[in-house]
Amino acid sequence: MKTKRTTIEKFFAAKAFAVIGVSEDRRKFGNMAFRAMIDRRMLVYPVNPRRAAVEGIKCYSSVLELPETVTSAVTMIHPSATEQVIVDCIQKKIEVVWMQPGSESKKAIDEAVANGITAISGQCIMMFLEPVVSAHAVHRWFNKIVGAYPR
């Protein structure tokens, strides 16, 4: 299933976001994406059951603990863990789940869609966090050239 631009826009239209699987390690992708979202003045909640805080922000141990304002979430976890998290997202009424490449599985996508959650997969969130910088700008440019960028 090819991601449409309107789906990406729906994700970013949320008032608040969750980054599931964020790490304290600034070299890890989950932390980089989390910081990029914060730098863009987005209201972002970290979710990781093994952390009390990330980047000085209180970390939630579960999607179920998130404030009601969170309607979009991005997963940065193993596909089997994403499958479990989708169950919580359904219960929490998360509207859009962005499964970062390497985090998605067919089962997670199918379960999300079957329960009314818009699923994004096959796209790197960093290519859509404006302004897009560094290697992600090159990646986005390349995807536009080859027709892989959502329209």
N, C-alpha and C. Protein backbone atom coordinates (compact mmCIF):
# COMPACT_ATOMS: atom_id res chain seq x y z
N MET A 1 0.84 -1.17 0.00
CA MET A 1 0.00 0.00 0.00
C MET A 1 0.89 1.25 0.00
N LYS A 2 0.69 2.10 -0.97
CA LYS A 2 1.49 3.31 -1.11
C LYS A 2 0.90 4.43 -0.24
N THR A 3 1.75 5.10 0.49
CA THR A 3 1.32 6.18 1.36
C THR A 3 0.98 7.41 0.53
N LYS A 4 -0.14 8.05 0.85
CA LYS A 4 -0.56 9.26 0.16
C LYS A 4 -0.16 10.49 0.97
N ARG A 5 0.00 11.59 0.29
CA ARG A 5 0.36 12.85 0.95
C ARG A 5 -0.71 13.25 1.98
N THR A 6 -1.98 12.99 1.68
CA THR A 6 -3.05 13.35 2.62
C THR A 6 -2.93 12.56 3.93
N THR A 7 -2.40 11.36 3.84
CA THR A 7 -2.19 10.54 5.04
C THR A 7 -1.09 11.16 5.91
N ILE A 8 -0.02 11.61 5.26
CA ILE A 8 1.08 12.28 5.98
C ILE A 8 0.54 13.55 6.65
N GLU A 9 -0.27 14.31 5.92
CA GLU A 9 -0.84 15.54 6.45
C GLU A 9 -1.74 15.26 7.65
N LYS A 10 -2.49 14.17 7.60
CA LYS A 10 -3.35 13.79 8.73
C LYS A 10 -2.50 13.51 9.97
N PHE A 11 -1.37 12.83 9.79
CA PHE A 11 -0.47 12.55 10.91
C PHE A 11 -0.03 13.86 11.56
N PHE A 12 0.45 14.79 10.74
CA PHE A 12 1.01 16.04 11.27
C PHE A 12 -0.05 17.03 11.73
N ALA A 13 -1.32 16.79 11.45
CA ALA A 13 -2.40 17.68 11.90
C ALA A 13 -2.72 17.49 13.38
N ALA A 14 -2.17 16.46 14.00
CA ALA A 14 -2.44 16.19 15.41
C ALA A 14 -1.95 17.34 16.30
N LYS A 15 -2.57 17.46 17.47
CA LYS A 15 -2.15 18.46 18.45
C LYS A 15 -0.96 17.94 19.27
N ALA A 16 -0.92 16.62 19.44
CA ALA A 16 0.13 16.02 20.25
C ALA A 16 0.50 14.66 19.67
N PHE A 17 1.77 14.28 19.88
CA PHE A 17 2.34 13.08 19.26
C PHE A 17 3.03 12.23 20.32
N ALA A 18 3.15 10.94 20.02
CA ALA A 18 3.94 10.04 20.86
C ALA A 18 5.04 9.44 20.00
N VAL A 19 6.23 9.31 20.59
CA VAL A 19 7.32 8.58 19.95
C VAL A 19 7.55 7.35 20.81
N ILE A 20 7.20 6.21 20.26
CA ILE A 20 7.21 4.96 21.01
C ILE A 20 8.53 4.23 20.75
N GLY A 21 9.29 4.04 21.82
CA GLY A 21 10.58 3.38 21.72
C GLY A 21 11.75 4.35 21.70
N VAL A 22 11.49 5.58 22.11
CA VAL A 22 12.55 6.58 22.13
C VAL A 22 13.61 6.19 23.16
N SER A 23 14.86 6.49 22.83
CA SER A 23 16.01 6.14 23.65
C SER A 23 16.68 7.40 24.19
N GLU A 24 17.46 7.24 25.24
CA GLU A 24 18.28 8.35 25.74
C GLU A 24 19.54 8.54 24.90
N ASP A 25 19.88 7.54 24.11
CA ASP A 25 21.09 7.58 23.29
C ASP A 25 20.86 8.48 22.08
N ARG A 26 21.54 9.63 22.05
CA ARG A 26 21.35 10.61 21.00
C ARG A 26 21.79 10.12 19.62
N ARG A 27 22.51 9.01 19.56
CA ARG A 27 22.92 8.45 18.26
C ARG A 27 21.85 7.55 17.66
N LYS A 28 20.87 7.16 18.47
CA LYS A 28 19.81 6.26 17.99
C LYS A 28 18.71 7.06 17.30
N PHE A 29 18.13 6.42 16.29
CA PHE A 29 17.18 7.11 15.44
C PHE A 29 15.95 7.61 16.20
N GLY A 30 15.45 6.85 17.14
CA GLY A 30 14.29 7.27 17.91
C GLY A 30 14.54 8.58 18.65
N ASN A 31 15.72 8.72 19.21
CA ASN A 31 16.07 9.95 19.90
C ASN A 31 16.22 11.10 18.92
N MET A 32 16.84 10.83 17.77
CA MET A 32 17.02 11.87 16.76
C MET A 32 15.66 12.40 16.27
N ALA A 33 14.75 11.49 15.99
CA ALA A 33 13.42 11.91 15.52
C ALA A 33 12.68 12.67 16.62
N PHE A 34 12.78 12.18 17.85
CA PHE A 34 12.14 12.84 18.99
C PHE A 34 12.65 14.28 19.12
N ARG A 35 13.97 14.45 19.09
CA ARG A 35 14.54 15.79 19.20
C ARG A 35 14.15 16.67 18.02
N ALA A 36 14.11 16.09 16.83
CA ALA A 36 13.72 16.86 15.64
C ALA A 36 12.29 17.37 15.78
N MET A 37 11.41 16.55 16.33
CA MET A 37 10.02 16.96 16.52
C MET A 37 9.94 18.08 17.58
N ILE A 38 10.69 17.94 18.64
CA ILE A 38 10.73 18.98 19.68
C ILE A 38 11.29 20.27 19.10
N ASP A 39 12.36 20.17 18.32
CA ASP A 39 12.98 21.36 17.70
C ASP A 39 12.00 22.10 16.81
N ARG A 40 11.01 21.39 16.27
CA ARG A 40 10.00 22.00 15.41
C ARG A 40 8.77 22.43 16.20
N ARG A 41 8.95 22.48 17.51
CA ARG A 41 7.92 22.95 18.44
C ARG A 41 6.65 22.10 18.43
N MET A 42 6.82 20.82 18.21
CA MET A 42 5.70 19.89 18.27
C MET A 42 5.57 19.41 19.73
N LEU A 43 4.37 19.16 20.17
CA LEU A 43 4.14 18.61 21.50
C LEU A 43 4.30 17.09 21.40
N VAL A 44 5.39 16.59 21.96
CA VAL A 44 5.77 15.19 21.79
C VAL A 44 5.97 14.52 23.14
N TYR A 45 5.40 13.32 23.27
CA TYR A 45 5.52 12.53 24.49
C TYR A 45 6.35 11.29 24.20
N PRO A 46 7.43 11.07 24.96
CA PRO A 46 8.21 9.86 24.78
C PRO A 46 7.55 8.67 25.48
N VAL A 47 7.63 7.50 24.84
CA VAL A 47 7.09 6.27 25.43
C VAL A 47 8.20 5.23 25.43
N ASN A 48 8.57 4.78 26.63
CA ASN A 48 9.55 3.72 26.78
C ASN A 48 9.44 3.21 28.22
N PRO A 49 9.05 1.96 28.40
CA PRO A 49 8.84 1.44 29.77
C PRO A 49 10.12 1.36 30.60
N ARG A 50 11.29 1.51 29.98
CA ARG A 50 12.55 1.40 30.72
C ARG A 50 13.18 2.75 31.05
N ARG A 51 12.48 3.84 30.78
CA ARG A 51 13.04 5.17 31.02
C ARG A 51 12.06 6.01 31.84
N ALA A 52 12.59 6.80 32.77
CA ALA A 52 11.77 7.74 33.54
C ALA A 52 11.62 9.05 32.77
N ALA A 53 12.66 9.40 32.00
CA ALA A 53 12.66 10.64 31.23
C ALA A 53 13.60 10.48 30.04
N VAL A 54 13.34 11.25 29.01
CA VAL A 54 14.22 11.32 27.84
C VAL A 54 14.35 12.79 27.47
N GLU A 55 15.58 13.24 27.34
CA GLU A 55 15.85 14.65 27.03
C GLU A 55 15.16 15.58 28.04
N GLY A 56 15.08 15.11 29.29
CA GLY A 56 14.49 15.92 30.35
C GLY A 56 12.97 15.95 30.36
N ILE A 57 12.36 15.14 29.51
CA ILE A 57 10.89 15.10 29.41
C ILE A 57 10.40 13.78 29.99
N LYS A 58 9.37 13.84 30.85
CA LYS A 58 8.81 12.64 31.46
C LYS A 58 8.48 11.61 30.40
N CYS A 59 8.92 10.38 30.63
CA CYS A 59 8.68 9.28 29.70
C CYS A 59 7.52 8.44 30.22
N TYR A 60 6.64 8.09 29.32
CA TYR A 60 5.49 7.25 29.66
C TYR A 60 5.86 5.79 29.41
N SER A 61 5.39 4.92 30.29
CA SER A 61 5.74 3.51 30.15
C SER A 61 4.85 2.78 29.16
N SER A 62 3.71 3.39 28.80
CA SER A 62 2.76 2.73 27.93
C SER A 62 1.94 3.77 27.16
N VAL A 63 1.49 3.39 25.99
CA VAL A 63 0.58 4.23 25.21
C VAL A 63 -0.68 4.54 26.02
N LEU A 64 -1.11 3.59 26.83
CA LEU A 64 -2.33 3.76 27.61
C LEU A 64 -2.23 4.90 28.63
N GLU A 65 -1.02 5.30 29.00
CA GLU A 65 -0.81 6.37 29.97
C GLU A 65 -0.79 7.76 29.34
N LEU A 66 -0.76 7.83 28.02
CA LEU A 66 -0.63 9.11 27.32
C LEU A 66 -1.85 10.01 27.54
N PRO A 67 -1.64 11.33 27.48
CA PRO A 67 -2.78 12.25 27.54
C PRO A 67 -3.73 12.02 26.37
N GLU A 68 -4.98 12.38 26.56
CA GLU A 68 -6.01 12.19 25.53
C GLU A 68 -5.72 12.97 24.26
N THR A 69 -4.92 14.04 24.35
CA THR A 69 -4.65 14.88 23.19
C THR A 69 -3.77 14.21 22.15
N VAL A 70 -3.11 13.11 22.51
CA VAL A 70 -2.24 12.40 21.57
C VAL A 70 -3.10 11.59 20.61
N THR A 71 -3.01 11.93 19.33
CA THR A 71 -3.78 11.19 18.32
C THR A 71 -2.90 10.62 17.22
N SER A 72 -1.61 10.99 17.23
CA SER A 72 -0.66 10.44 16.26
C SER A 72 0.54 9.89 17.01
N ALA A 73 1.02 8.73 16.57
CA ALA A 73 2.17 8.10 17.21
C ALA A 73 3.10 7.55 16.15
N VAL A 74 4.38 7.53 16.48
CA VAL A 74 5.37 6.93 15.60
C VAL A 74 6.08 5.83 16.38
N THR A 75 6.25 4.66 15.75
CA THR A 75 6.91 3.54 16.42
C THR A 75 8.36 3.44 15.96
N MET A 76 9.24 3.23 16.94
CA MET A 76 10.67 3.06 16.72
C MET A 76 11.12 1.80 17.46
N ILE A 77 10.37 0.72 17.28
CA ILE A 77 10.58 -0.51 18.03
C ILE A 77 10.58 -1.70 17.09
N HIS A 78 10.91 -2.85 17.63
CA HIS A 78 10.91 -4.09 16.85
C HIS A 78 9.49 -4.37 16.34
N PRO A 79 9.36 -4.93 15.13
CA PRO A 79 8.03 -5.22 14.58
C PRO A 79 7.11 -6.00 15.52
N SER A 80 7.64 -6.97 16.24
CA SER A 80 6.78 -7.74 17.14
C SER A 80 6.27 -6.87 18.29
N ALA A 81 7.08 -5.91 18.73
CA ALA A 81 6.63 -4.98 19.76
C ALA A 81 5.58 -4.02 19.19
N THR A 82 5.75 -3.62 17.93
CA THR A 82 4.74 -2.76 17.28
C THR A 82 3.40 -3.47 17.25
N GLU A 83 3.42 -4.76 16.98
CA GLU A 83 2.17 -5.53 16.96
C GLU A 83 1.45 -5.44 18.30
N GLN A 84 2.20 -5.48 19.39
CA GLN A 84 1.61 -5.37 20.72
C GLN A 84 1.13 -3.95 21.00
N VAL A 85 1.91 -2.96 20.57
CA VAL A 85 1.57 -1.56 20.79
C VAL A 85 0.30 -1.17 20.04
N ILE A 86 0.07 -1.75 18.89
CA ILE A 86 -1.14 -1.44 18.11
C ILE A 86 -2.39 -1.75 18.94
N VAL A 87 -2.36 -2.80 19.72
CA VAL A 87 -3.49 -3.14 20.59
C VAL A 87 -3.78 -1.99 21.55
N ASP A 88 -2.73 -1.41 22.13
CA ASP A 88 -2.89 -0.26 23.02
C ASP A 88 -3.37 0.97 22.26
N CYS A 89 -2.86 1.16 21.05
CA CYS A 89 -3.27 2.31 20.23
C CYS A 89 -4.76 2.23 19.89
N ILE A 90 -5.24 1.03 19.66
CA ILE A 90 -6.67 0.84 19.38
C ILE A 90 -7.47 1.27 20.61
N GLN A 91 -7.07 0.77 21.77
CA GLN A 91 -7.78 1.10 23.01
C GLN A 91 -7.70 2.59 23.32
N LYS A 92 -6.56 3.22 23.03
CA LYS A 92 -6.35 4.63 23.34
C LYS A 92 -6.96 5.56 22.29
N LYS A 93 -7.44 4.97 21.21
CA LYS A 93 -8.05 5.73 20.11
C LYS A 93 -7.05 6.63 19.40
N ILE A 94 -5.83 6.13 19.24
CA ILE A 94 -4.83 6.81 18.42
C ILE A 94 -5.33 6.73 16.98
N GLU A 95 -5.30 7.83 16.27
CA GLU A 95 -5.87 7.88 14.93
C GLU A 95 -4.89 7.49 13.82
N VAL A 96 -3.62 7.86 14.00
CA VAL A 96 -2.61 7.58 12.97
C VAL A 96 -1.36 7.01 13.64
N VAL A 97 -0.86 5.88 13.11
CA VAL A 97 0.39 5.31 13.61
C VAL A 97 1.36 5.24 12.43
N TRP A 98 2.50 5.91 12.62
CA TRP A 98 3.58 5.91 11.64
C TRP A 98 4.56 4.84 12.09
N MET A 99 4.67 3.79 11.32
CA MET A 99 5.59 2.71 11.63
C MET A 99 6.87 2.95 10.85
N GLN A 100 7.86 3.47 11.56
CA GLN A 100 9.14 3.79 10.94
C GLN A 100 9.70 2.53 10.29
N PRO A 101 10.36 2.65 9.12
CA PRO A 101 10.94 1.46 8.49
C PRO A 101 11.78 0.65 9.49
N GLY A 102 11.54 -0.64 9.50
CA GLY A 102 12.18 -1.53 10.46
C GLY A 102 11.32 -1.78 11.68
N SER A 103 10.25 -1.01 11.83
CA SER A 103 9.35 -1.13 12.96
C SER A 103 8.02 -1.78 12.57
N GLU A 104 7.75 -1.80 11.28
CA GLU A 104 6.46 -2.27 10.80
C GLU A 104 6.44 -3.78 10.54
N SER A 105 5.22 -4.30 10.51
CA SER A 105 5.00 -5.68 10.06
C SER A 105 3.63 -5.70 9.39
N LYS A 106 3.41 -6.65 8.54
CA LYS A 106 2.11 -6.78 7.88
C LYS A 106 1.02 -6.96 8.92
N LYS A 107 1.30 -7.76 9.94
CA LYS A 107 0.31 -8.00 10.99
C LYS A 107 -0.07 -6.70 11.70
N ALA A 108 0.92 -5.88 12.04
CA ALA A 108 0.65 -4.61 12.73
C ALA A 108 -0.16 -3.67 11.84
N ILE A 109 0.23 -3.59 10.57
CA ILE A 109 -0.49 -2.72 9.63
C ILE A 109 -1.93 -3.19 9.47
N ASP A 110 -2.11 -4.49 9.23
CA ASP A 110 -3.45 -5.04 9.04
C ASP A 110 -4.33 -4.83 10.27
N GLU A 111 -3.78 -5.03 11.46
CA GLU A 111 -4.54 -4.87 12.70
C GLU A 111 -4.93 -3.41 12.90
N ALA A 112 -4.01 -2.51 12.62
CA ALA A 112 -4.30 -1.08 12.75
C ALA A 112 -5.44 -0.69 11.81
N VAL A 113 -5.31 -1.03 10.54
CA VAL A 113 -6.30 -0.65 9.53
C VAL A 113 -7.66 -1.29 9.83
N ALA A 114 -7.66 -2.55 10.25
CA ALA A 114 -8.92 -3.24 10.57
C ALA A 114 -9.66 -2.58 11.72
N ASN A 115 -8.92 -1.82 12.53
CA ASN A 115 -9.53 -1.17 13.69
C ASN A 115 -9.62 0.35 13.54
N GLY A 116 -9.57 0.82 12.30
CA GLY A 116 -9.80 2.23 12.02
C GLY A 116 -8.63 3.16 12.21
N ILE A 117 -7.45 2.61 12.41
CA ILE A 117 -6.26 3.44 12.55
C ILE A 117 -5.62 3.61 11.17
N THR A 118 -5.27 4.83 10.84
CA THR A 118 -4.53 5.09 9.61
C THR A 118 -3.08 4.68 9.86
N ALA A 119 -2.56 3.81 9.02
CA ALA A 119 -1.19 3.31 9.18
C ALA A 119 -0.29 3.88 8.09
N ILE A 120 0.86 4.36 8.51
CA ILE A 120 1.89 4.82 7.58
C ILE A 120 3.07 3.89 7.73
N SER A 121 3.55 3.40 6.59
CA SER A 121 4.75 2.55 6.62
C SER A 121 5.53 2.78 5.34
N GLY A 122 6.79 2.37 5.36
CA GLY A 122 7.62 2.50 4.17
C GLY A 122 8.15 3.90 3.93
N GLN A 123 7.94 4.80 4.88
CA GLN A 123 8.41 6.17 4.76
C GLN A 123 9.15 6.58 6.03
N CYS A 124 10.25 7.30 5.87
CA CYS A 124 11.00 7.81 7.02
C CYS A 124 10.42 9.15 7.45
N ILE A 125 10.04 9.25 8.70
CA ILE A 125 9.44 10.47 9.22
C ILE A 125 10.35 11.68 9.05
N MET A 126 11.66 11.48 9.08
CA MET A 126 12.60 12.59 8.97
C MET A 126 12.55 13.28 7.60
N MET A 127 12.00 12.60 6.59
CA MET A 127 11.86 13.21 5.27
C MET A 127 10.67 14.17 5.22
N PHE A 128 9.90 14.25 6.29
CA PHE A 128 8.69 15.06 6.29
C PHE A 128 8.68 16.11 7.40
N LEU A 129 9.68 16.09 8.26
CA LEU A 129 9.77 17.08 9.33
C LEU A 129 10.43 18.34 8.77
N GLU A 130 9.60 19.32 8.43
CA GLU A 130 10.09 20.56 7.82
C GLU A 130 10.76 21.46 8.86
N PRO A 131 11.86 22.10 8.53
CA PRO A 131 12.60 21.92 7.30
C PRO A 131 13.41 20.62 7.34
N VAL A 132 13.41 19.93 6.23
CA VAL A 132 14.15 18.67 6.13
C VAL A 132 15.63 18.99 5.97
N VAL A 133 16.45 18.33 6.77
CA VAL A 133 17.89 18.65 6.77
C VAL A 133 18.74 17.40 6.55
N SER A 134 20.00 17.63 6.29
CA SER A 134 21.04 16.61 6.15
C SER A 134 20.71 15.54 5.12
N ALA A 135 21.08 14.33 5.44
CA ALA A 135 20.88 13.20 4.51
C ALA A 135 19.41 12.99 4.19
N HIS A 136 18.55 13.40 5.08
CA HIS A 136 17.11 13.21 4.85
C HIS A 136 16.61 14.08 3.69
N ALA A 137 17.23 15.24 3.51
CA ALA A 137 16.87 16.10 2.38
C ALA A 137 17.27 15.43 1.07
N VAL A 138 18.44 14.80 1.06
CA VAL A 138 18.90 14.07 -0.13
C VAL A 138 17.99 12.87 -0.39
N HIS A 139 17.64 12.15 0.67
CA HIS A 139 16.76 10.99 0.56
C HIS A 139 15.40 11.41 -0.02
N ARG A 140 14.87 12.52 0.48
CA ARG A 140 13.59 13.02 -0.02
C ARG A 140 13.70 13.40 -1.50
N TRP A 141 14.76 14.13 -1.83
CA TRP A 141 14.97 14.53 -3.23
C TRP A 141 15.03 13.30 -4.14
N PHE A 142 15.78 12.29 -3.72
CA PHE A 142 15.90 11.06 -4.51
C PHE A 142 14.54 10.39 -4.67
N ASN A 143 13.79 10.29 -3.59
CA ASN A 143 12.46 9.66 -3.66
C ASN A 143 11.52 10.42 -4.60
N LYS A 144 11.64 11.73 -4.63
CA LYS A 144 10.83 12.52 -5.57
C LYS A 144 11.23 12.20 -7.02
N ILE A 145 12.51 12.08 -7.26
CA ILE A 145 13.02 11.78 -8.60
C ILE A 145 12.52 10.43 -9.10
N VAL A 146 12.54 9.43 -8.22
CA VAL A 146 12.17 8.07 -8.65
C VAL A 146 10.68 7.77 -8.47
N GLY A 147 9.92 8.76 -7.99
CA GLY A 147 8.47 8.59 -7.85
C GLY A 147 8.04 7.86 -6.59
N ALA A 148 8.92 7.76 -5.59
CA ALA A 148 8.59 7.05 -4.37
C ALA A 148 8.08 7.99 -3.28
N TYR A 149 8.08 9.28 -3.54
CA TYR A 149 7.62 10.27 -2.55
C TYR A 149 6.09 10.38 -2.64
N PRO A 150 5.41 10.38 -1.50
CA PRO A 150 3.93 10.42 -1.52
C PRO A 150 3.40 11.67 -2.24
N ARG A 151 2.35 11.43 -3.02
CA ARG A 151 1.67 12.54 -3.71
C ARG A 151 0.25 12.65 -3.25
